[in-house]
Amino acid sequence: MKNQEAELQAAREAQAKQLREFDDDQEALAKRHLYYRDHSEYMREREKVREREAKEDAIDRAQEQRELASQQKQRDHARGQADAFLDQQAEEMLRTQERHEPAHFKISLGAATKKLEKTAAPRRTATDVENLLEDEEITDQSGTKKRTLVPINFDAAVRANLTQEEVEEAQRQLARDIPNDKEGLWKWPVSWDHLPEKNIDKDIKEWAANKVLELMGLQEDMLVDAIVDHLKSRGGPQPLVENLAELLDDEAENLVKKLWRMVIYYSETEKRGIK
């Protein structure tokens, strides 16, 4: 292969020299060159040379591709061995950790998980939440003596051991703690990061649609979408009142007050782990 390349290179150099020294007029008269002596034969010979060069180029390309494929195969094989080694090391570390892990910790974790599943409070619908907030508002206004609650530390470990009754009582206590008045609601720092979009897109949207229907006597999807978009953009309550007042007049503020209590309820139950 190297000898062939050397011969081809020598031929190319000789041809280049010949072309530099070539005198077209003299060669046409002398007819020493096949091009002038028999042009058809010259073209056939030229085509043979081109075919030979094309074949040689194809052979070179194929050889280069084989070499690249072989190198890639070697890299893939080495990478596969490295991945297998790392997987084996990870499995061995996991087995070692399991052998040295205290048994009582596993039992405790399993029990807490089972208890959490068993005692999880049923999910409240938007109507349930509205009724809960209204009930606690009536209780608060009537002056009924409230049960004194012991503050709960809502970390994951304690939350896992709360009974369903304790979770529901914590939800009722939250409902009592949420302000009823405009000033208190407007000043409440809403924990937007803990307000799931599913609550906005489903629960609050359905609730808002029903309220708008009650107030206007017809379904106003654009108005409902405006409420949803306002919450998703984390807008404040007063700007929402001003936007809704164009269609709802004096009812806008009352609607937003109820809406804001629900926003606070959903975000706080998520934040405190009592949803």
Foldseek 3Di string as FASTA:
>chain_A
DVVVVVVVVVVVVVVVVCVVVDDVVVCLVVVPDCCNVPVVVVVVVVVVVVVVVVVVVVVVVVVVVVVVVVVVVVVVVVVVVVVVVVVVVVVVVVVVCVVPPDPVVVVVVVVLVVQCVVQAADDDFLVRLLVLLVVLVVCVVVPPDDDDDDDDQLDPVRLSPDGNVRLVVVLSVLSNVQDQDPVSLQPDDQPLVQQDLCCLVPRLLVVVQVVCCVQPVDGDNVLSVVVSVCVVVVHGLVVQLVVCCVPRPPCSNVVSSSSSSVSRSRSVCSVSVSD
